[in-house]
Amino acid sequence: MKMFLSDNNSGVHPKILEAIYNCNNGHEPSYGNDKYSEKAMELFQKLFEKDVDVYFVTSGTAANIIGLTGLLQPFEGVVCADTAHINTDECGALERFGGNKILYVPNRNGKIYPEDIEDFLSSIGDEHQVQPKVISISQITELGTVYSVEEIKELADFAHANDMLLHVDGARISNGVVALDSSFKEMITDTGVDLLSFGGTKNGMMVGEAIVSFNKKISKNFKYIRKQGMQLISKMRFISAQFIPYLEEGIWKKNAINSNNMARFIKEELEKFSQVEIINEPLGNILFVKIPRSWNEPLQRKYPLYVTDERENIIRIVTSFDTTEEDIRNFIDYIGGII
């Protein structure tokens, strides 16, 4: 049975498993000095059409925290939406590991805009205040919305005009690129993003993310910070090898197309129930739905729910790279049987 609780619940794409198996043959230099890591880095440079620095880590939280810590002095902070993963779901990791303050602002449908950040500019140069240095956004956002290419560029331009940097938490970056029929070059390189946490685990990989720096000056010390952060994996090839088919064979795109399409399909099917209210238009693979409270218990018995709003009884539905129309029809049939 497939679930819709999170794309973290999905399995691993067969070609990713094959890549992990294949890199197990023979011996390779450790700590990322292997041929698989080298090949994966070359593919990232090709993907972004830029000579980027790439650092492989085990998780999205590690990518965010190692990356952000590398950009910040202890007296500097990160401006983000109140819904940002670094603010709500990383257990204060940035504050503990980096000692940096998160300066969050109310989101607007999951997003933030330059005018939301302007109030922090008055702190610049004030020795009594945390200095705003990095703007961090999520693509796609935690509310399932997608920043347009123009919106990302506007934030990057605003950051650079104020001696700040732009970081993108790209746990679902592939879903965002597919949703806008864009490219990584257009969405990230050309807009002026400084640092990207490139996610793959939610889109068919087993484990591992990549920190991608578009400015070698800002990432010159990342190798030391990654080691201090306990993210320098000795057998790094088992992380990096996954990115080879993921990027080279376009698995990232195929998987994201499917999960995005399945989110739209499940929305269309749920709209057939008069008791259901669709909260958002799923451009990516995240859907928010208001359902009758009486559905919760019977649904929980077979399809675990993530209730994001207890008062309104809004649940989050997330589709995955391996979600099929049959999985969705089974879900819809089950709902039909409980009402």
Protein backbone atom coordinates (compact mmCIF):
# COMPACT_ATOMS: atom_id res chain seq x y z
CA MET A 1 0.00 0.00 0.00
CA LYS A 2 1.20 3.51 -0.84
CA MET A 3 0.80 6.38 1.61
CA PHE A 4 0.36 10.10 1.07
CA LEU A 5 1.83 11.25 4.36
CA SER A 6 5.16 12.34 2.87
CA ASP A 7 7.42 11.72 -0.11
CA ASN A 8 9.93 10.57 2.50
CA ASN A 9 7.82 7.42 2.84
CA SER A 10 8.50 6.32 -0.73
CA GLY A 11 11.12 3.77 -1.71
CA VAL A 12 14.17 4.20 -3.91
CA HIS A 13 14.23 4.32 -7.69
CA PRO A 14 15.62 1.02 -9.06
CA LYS A 15 18.39 2.76 -11.01
CA ILE A 16 19.52 4.52 -7.86
CA LEU A 17 19.73 1.19 -6.05
CA GLU A 18 21.65 -0.19 -9.01
CA ALA A 19 24.12 2.70 -8.84
CA ILE A 20 24.72 2.05 -5.15
CA TYR A 21 25.25 -1.65 -5.83
CA ASN A 22 27.60 -1.04 -8.74
CA CYS A 23 29.87 1.34 -6.84
CA ASN A 24 30.38 -1.40 -4.28
CA ASN A 25 32.73 -3.22 -6.67
CA GLY A 26 36.39 -2.83 -5.88
CA HIS A 27 38.10 -0.22 -3.73
CA GLU A 28 38.03 3.56 -4.14
CA PRO A 29 39.76 6.45 -2.37
CA SER A 30 37.82 7.64 0.66
CA TYR A 31 36.29 10.95 1.75
CA GLY A 32 34.99 11.94 -1.67
CA ASN A 33 38.21 11.46 -3.61
CA ASP A 34 36.67 8.65 -5.65
CA LYS A 35 35.74 8.53 -9.33
CA TYR A 36 32.01 8.51 -8.57
CA SER A 37 32.13 11.74 -6.59
CA GLU A 38 34.24 13.32 -9.32
CA LYS A 39 31.75 12.27 -11.98
CA ALA A 40 28.79 13.52 -9.96
CA MET A 41 30.44 16.91 -9.49
CA GLU A 42 31.00 17.18 -13.24
CA LEU A 43 27.31 16.45 -13.81
CA PHE A 44 26.31 19.20 -11.39
CA GLN A 45 28.49 21.64 -13.30
CA LYS A 46 26.82 20.57 -16.52
CA LEU A 47 23.37 20.83 -14.97
CA PHE A 48 23.89 24.41 -13.79
CA GLU A 49 26.21 25.36 -16.65
CA LYS A 50 28.63 26.85 -14.15
CA ASP A 51 31.80 25.86 -12.33
CA VAL A 52 30.06 25.19 -9.03
CA ASP A 53 31.46 23.81 -5.78
CA VAL A 54 29.63 20.66 -4.63
CA TYR A 55 29.70 19.08 -1.17
CA PHE A 56 27.81 15.85 -0.53
CA VAL A 57 26.10 15.32 2.84
CA THR A 58 23.62 12.85 4.27
CA SER A 59 20.45 14.89 4.74
CA GLY A 60 18.59 18.07 3.91
CA THR A 61 19.10 19.43 7.40
CA ALA A 62 22.83 18.80 7.06
CA ALA A 63 22.87 20.58 3.69
CA ASN A 64 21.03 23.58 5.10
CA ILE A 65 23.02 23.90 8.30
CA ILE A 66 26.50 23.16 6.93
CA GLY A 67 25.83 25.52 4.03
CA LEU A 68 24.36 28.36 6.05
CA THR A 69 27.01 28.11 8.75
CA GLY A 70 29.63 28.52 6.05
CA LEU A 71 28.08 31.83 5.02
CA LEU A 72 27.65 33.36 8.46
CA GLN A 73 29.66 34.97 11.20
CA PRO A 74 28.32 34.22 14.71
CA PHE A 75 26.75 37.68 14.94
CA GLU A 76 24.87 37.32 11.65
CA GLY A 77 21.41 35.91 11.00
CA VAL A 78 19.18 34.35 8.37
CA VAL A 79 15.91 35.91 7.22
CA CYS A 80 13.27 33.37 6.20
CA ALA A 81 9.54 32.67 6.26
CA ASP A 82 8.04 31.54 9.55
CA THR A 83 7.09 28.29 7.80
CA ALA A 84 10.65 27.59 6.61
CA HIS A 85 12.04 24.15 7.35
CA ILE A 86 15.11 25.66 9.03
CA ASN A 87 12.74 27.48 11.40
CA THR A 88 10.13 24.82 12.15
CA ASP A 89 11.55 21.36 11.49
CA GLU A 90 15.27 21.31 12.19
CA CYS A 91 15.14 21.35 15.98
CA GLY A 92 17.14 24.56 16.35
CA ALA A 93 20.07 23.01 14.47
CA LEU A 94 21.31 26.31 13.03
CA GLU A 95 21.13 28.02 16.41
CA ARG A 96 23.04 25.21 18.10
CA PHE A 97 25.56 24.30 15.44
CA GLY A 98 26.20 27.73 13.98
CA GLY A 99 25.13 29.94 16.86
CA ASN A 100 23.18 32.08 14.40
CA LYS A 101 19.79 33.66 14.88
CA ILE A 102 16.86 32.99 12.56
CA LEU A 103 14.98 36.19 11.75
CA TYR A 104 11.67 34.84 10.51
CA VAL A 105 8.84 36.86 9.03
CA PRO A 106 5.18 35.97 8.38
CA ASN A 107 4.86 34.03 5.16
CA ARG A 108 2.58 35.02 2.34
CA ASN A 109 1.30 31.76 0.97
CA GLY A 110 4.59 30.19 1.92
CA LYS A 111 6.73 32.92 0.36
CA ILE A 112 8.60 36.04 1.38
CA TYR A 113 9.37 39.13 -0.70
CA PRO A 114 11.93 41.94 -0.51
CA GLU A 115 9.52 44.26 1.27
CA ASP A 116 9.18 41.66 4.05
CA ILE A 117 12.91 41.88 4.67
CA GLU A 118 13.37 45.65 4.53
CA ASP A 119 12.72 46.20 8.24
CA PHE A 120 15.88 44.23 9.06
CA LEU A 121 18.05 46.56 7.01
CA SER A 122 17.95 49.18 9.77
CA SER A 123 19.95 46.74 11.93
CA ILE A 124 22.92 46.78 9.56
CA GLY A 125 25.89 48.38 11.29
CA ASP A 126 24.19 48.48 14.69
CA GLU A 127 26.45 46.63 17.09
CA HIS A 128 23.48 45.85 19.35
CA GLN A 129 21.58 43.98 16.64
CA VAL A 130 21.97 40.67 14.84
CA GLN A 131 23.22 41.47 11.36
CA PRO A 132 21.00 40.13 8.55
CA LYS A 133 23.28 38.35 6.10
CA VAL A 134 21.39 35.57 4.34
CA ILE A 135 17.90 35.33 2.89
CA SER A 136 16.71 31.73 2.79
CA ILE A 137 13.74 30.52 0.75
CA SER A 138 12.32 27.06 0.03
CA GLN A 139 11.60 25.83 -3.47
CA ILE A 140 9.00 24.42 -3.44
CA THR A 141 7.70 26.03 -0.27
CA GLU A 142 6.37 24.22 2.75
CA LEU A 143 2.87 25.29 1.70
CA GLY A 144 3.27 23.76 -1.74
CA THR A 145 3.68 27.04 -3.58
CA VAL A 146 6.42 27.73 -6.11
CA TYR A 147 8.59 30.83 -6.46
CA SER A 148 8.65 32.08 -10.02
CA VAL A 149 12.01 32.63 -11.69
CA GLU A 150 11.32 36.38 -11.54
CA GLU A 151 10.59 36.24 -7.80
CA ILE A 152 13.86 34.41 -7.11
CA LYS A 153 15.83 36.92 -9.17
CA GLU A 154 14.16 39.81 -7.37
CA LEU A 155 15.20 38.36 -4.01
CA ALA A 156 18.75 37.70 -5.23
CA ASP A 157 19.07 41.24 -6.57
CA PHE A 158 17.70 42.65 -3.30
CA ALA A 159 20.12 40.53 -1.27
CA HIS A 160 23.17 41.55 -3.28
CA ALA A 161 22.20 45.23 -3.27
CA ASN A 162 22.25 45.05 0.53
CA ASP A 163 25.43 43.00 0.94
CA MET A 164 23.43 39.85 1.65
CA LEU A 165 23.31 36.38 0.11
CA LEU A 166 20.46 34.20 -1.15
CA HIS A 167 20.15 30.56 -0.08
CA VAL A 168 17.59 28.15 -1.50
CA ASP A 169 16.42 25.12 0.46
CA GLY A 170 15.83 22.84 -2.50
CA ALA A 171 14.51 19.72 -0.79
CA ARG A 172 11.96 19.58 -3.64
CA ILE A 173 13.84 21.70 -6.15
CA SER A 174 13.19 19.21 -8.98
CA ASN A 175 9.44 19.52 -8.44
CA GLY A 176 9.80 23.29 -8.70
CA VAL A 177 11.79 23.18 -11.93
CA VAL A 178 9.25 20.80 -13.49
CA ALA A 179 6.28 22.82 -12.23
CA LEU A 180 7.51 25.92 -14.07
CA ASP A 181 8.81 24.00 -17.09
CA SER A 182 12.12 25.68 -16.32
CA SER A 183 15.73 24.51 -15.98
CA PHE A 184 18.21 24.55 -13.13
CA LYS A 185 20.28 27.09 -15.01
CA GLU A 186 17.34 29.43 -15.53
CA MET A 187 15.92 29.06 -12.02
CA ILE A 188 19.12 29.03 -9.98
CA THR A 189 22.26 30.00 -11.89
CA ASP A 190 20.83 32.85 -13.93
CA THR A 191 18.80 34.36 -11.08
CA GLY A 192 21.90 34.86 -8.91
CA VAL A 193 21.31 32.30 -6.16
CA ASP A 194 24.44 32.03 -4.03
CA LEU A 195 23.89 28.68 -2.34
CA LEU A 196 21.53 25.77 -2.97
CA SER A 197 20.68 22.77 -0.83
CA PHE A 198 19.99 20.28 -3.62
CA GLY A 199 17.59 17.57 -2.51
CA GLY A 200 17.15 14.10 -3.93
CA THR A 201 15.85 11.96 -1.06
CA LYS A 202 12.25 13.12 -1.53
CA ASN A 203 12.46 12.37 -5.25
CA GLY A 204 13.69 8.79 -5.48
CA MET A 205 17.14 8.73 -3.90
CA MET A 206 18.00 6.64 -0.84
CA VAL A 207 20.02 9.08 1.22
CA GLY A 208 22.09 12.15 0.60
CA GLU A 209 21.85 15.73 -0.56
CA ALA A 210 24.31 18.18 -2.09
CA ILE A 211 25.41 21.66 -1.08
CA VAL A 212 25.94 23.60 -4.30
CA SER A 213 27.84 26.89 -4.14
CA PHE A 214 27.77 29.34 -7.05
CA ASN A 215 30.54 31.50 -5.62
CA LYS A 216 33.79 29.79 -4.68
CA LYS A 217 34.71 32.64 -2.34
CA ILE A 218 31.79 31.91 -0.02
CA SER A 219 32.44 28.17 0.03
CA LYS A 220 36.22 28.19 0.49
CA ASN A 221 35.90 26.88 4.07
CA PHE A 222 33.03 24.45 3.51
CA LYS A 223 35.30 21.40 3.56
CA TYR A 224 36.35 22.19 7.11
CA ILE A 225 32.81 22.98 8.26
CA ARG A 226 31.51 19.76 6.71
CA LYS A 227 34.14 17.80 8.65
CA GLN A 228 33.33 19.61 11.89
CA GLY A 229 29.68 18.93 11.20
CA MET A 230 30.33 15.18 11.02
CA GLN A 231 29.23 15.07 7.39
CA LEU A 232 32.48 14.05 5.71
CA ILE A 233 31.51 10.45 4.95
CA SER A 234 34.45 8.09 4.56
CA LYS A 235 32.73 6.00 1.87
CA MET A 236 31.34 9.04 0.13
CA ARG A 237 30.88 7.19 -3.15
CA PHE A 238 27.72 5.55 -1.81
CA ILE A 239 26.19 9.03 -1.57
CA SER A 240 27.60 10.59 -4.72
CA ALA A 241 27.09 7.59 -7.02
CA GLN A 242 23.33 8.04 -6.70
CA PHE A 243 23.56 11.44 -8.36
CA ILE A 244 25.10 9.99 -11.51
CA PRO A 245 21.99 8.29 -12.93
CA TYR A 246 19.80 10.83 -11.13
CA LEU A 247 21.30 13.66 -13.19
CA GLU A 248 22.74 11.91 -16.24
CA GLU A 249 19.60 9.92 -17.09
CA GLY A 250 17.12 12.61 -16.11
CA ILE A 251 15.63 10.57 -13.28
CA TRP A 252 15.15 13.81 -11.33
CA LYS A 253 12.84 15.09 -14.05
CA LYS A 254 10.90 11.89 -14.70
CA ASN A 255 10.27 11.40 -11.00
CA ALA A 256 9.20 14.99 -10.41
CA ILE A 257 6.89 14.94 -13.42
CA ASN A 258 5.13 11.90 -12.02
CA SER A 259 4.75 13.20 -8.47
CA ASN A 260 3.52 16.59 -9.71
CA ASN A 261 1.05 14.96 -12.09
CA MET A 262 -0.24 12.63 -9.39
CA ALA A 263 -0.87 15.59 -7.08
CA ARG A 264 -3.07 17.17 -9.72
CA PHE A 265 -4.83 13.85 -10.31
CA ILE A 266 -5.60 13.32 -6.64
CA LYS A 267 -6.93 16.88 -6.46
CA GLU A 268 -9.29 16.19 -9.38
CA GLU A 269 -10.52 13.01 -7.72
CA LEU A 270 -11.02 14.62 -4.30
CA GLU A 271 -13.01 17.44 -5.87
CA LYS A 272 -15.72 14.89 -6.64
CA PHE A 273 -16.58 14.84 -2.93
CA SER A 274 -18.76 17.78 -1.92
CA GLN A 275 -17.45 17.49 1.66
CA VAL A 276 -13.88 18.27 0.58
CA GLU A 277 -12.39 21.74 0.22
CA ILE A 278 -9.14 22.06 -1.73
CA ILE A 279 -6.95 24.69 -0.08
CA ASN A 280 -4.18 25.10 -2.66
CA GLU A 281 -3.53 24.60 -6.34
CA PRO A 282 -0.84 21.88 -6.43
CA LEU A 283 1.87 23.14 -8.77
CA GLY A 284 4.28 20.68 -7.17
CA ASN A 285 3.52 17.50 -5.27
CA ILE A 286 1.95 18.92 -2.10
CA LEU A 287 -1.80 19.32 -1.64
CA PHE A 288 -3.69 20.75 1.35
CA VAL A 289 -7.26 19.60 1.84
CA LYS A 290 -9.97 20.36 4.38
CA ILE A 291 -11.95 17.23 5.22
CA PRO A 292 -14.75 16.41 7.66
CA ARG A 293 -13.38 15.62 11.10
CA SER A 294 -15.40 12.40 11.12
CA TRP A 295 -13.12 11.06 8.37
CA ASN A 296 -9.96 11.28 10.47
CA GLU A 297 -10.23 8.10 12.51
CA PRO A 298 -11.23 5.72 9.69
CA LEU A 299 -8.64 7.27 7.37
CA GLN A 300 -5.91 6.96 9.98
CA ARG A 301 -6.49 3.20 10.15
CA LYS A 302 -5.23 2.74 6.60
CA TYR A 303 -3.84 6.06 5.38
CA PRO A 304 -1.93 7.96 8.08
CA LEU A 305 -2.76 11.66 8.08
CA TYR A 306 -0.70 14.76 8.71
CA VAL A 307 -3.15 17.31 10.10
CA THR A 308 -1.56 20.71 9.57
CA ASP A 309 -4.44 22.76 10.97
CA GLU A 310 -6.32 21.17 13.88
CA ARG A 311 -8.92 23.91 14.06
CA GLU A 312 -9.92 23.68 10.40
CA ASN A 313 -8.99 19.98 10.08
CA ILE A 314 -6.76 20.57 7.09
CA ILE A 315 -4.56 17.66 6.06
CA ARG A 316 -1.46 17.59 3.88
CA ILE A 317 -1.27 15.09 1.04
CA VAL A 318 2.08 14.46 -0.66
CA THR A 319 2.55 12.36 -3.77
CA SER A 320 5.79 10.58 -4.66
CA PHE A 321 7.84 9.51 -7.64
CA ASP A 322 6.29 6.04 -7.42
CA THR A 323 2.67 7.09 -6.85
CA THR A 324 0.36 5.62 -9.47
CA GLU A 325 -3.17 6.39 -10.59
CA GLU A 326 -4.18 3.03 -9.15
CA ASP A 327 -2.82 4.06 -5.74
CA ILE A 328 -4.94 7.18 -5.89
CA ARG A 329 -8.07 5.33 -7.03
CA ASN A 330 -7.64 2.92 -4.11
CA PHE A 331 -7.43 5.91 -1.77
CA ILE A 332 -10.50 7.53 -3.30
CA ASP A 333 -12.44 4.24 -3.15
CA TYR A 334 -11.54 3.90 0.50
CA ILE A 335 -12.87 7.38 1.21
CA GLY A 336 -16.03 6.49 -0.67
CA GLY A 337 -16.48 3.53 1.62
CA ILE A 338 -16.32 5.55 4.85
CA ILE A 339 -18.77 8.33 4.00
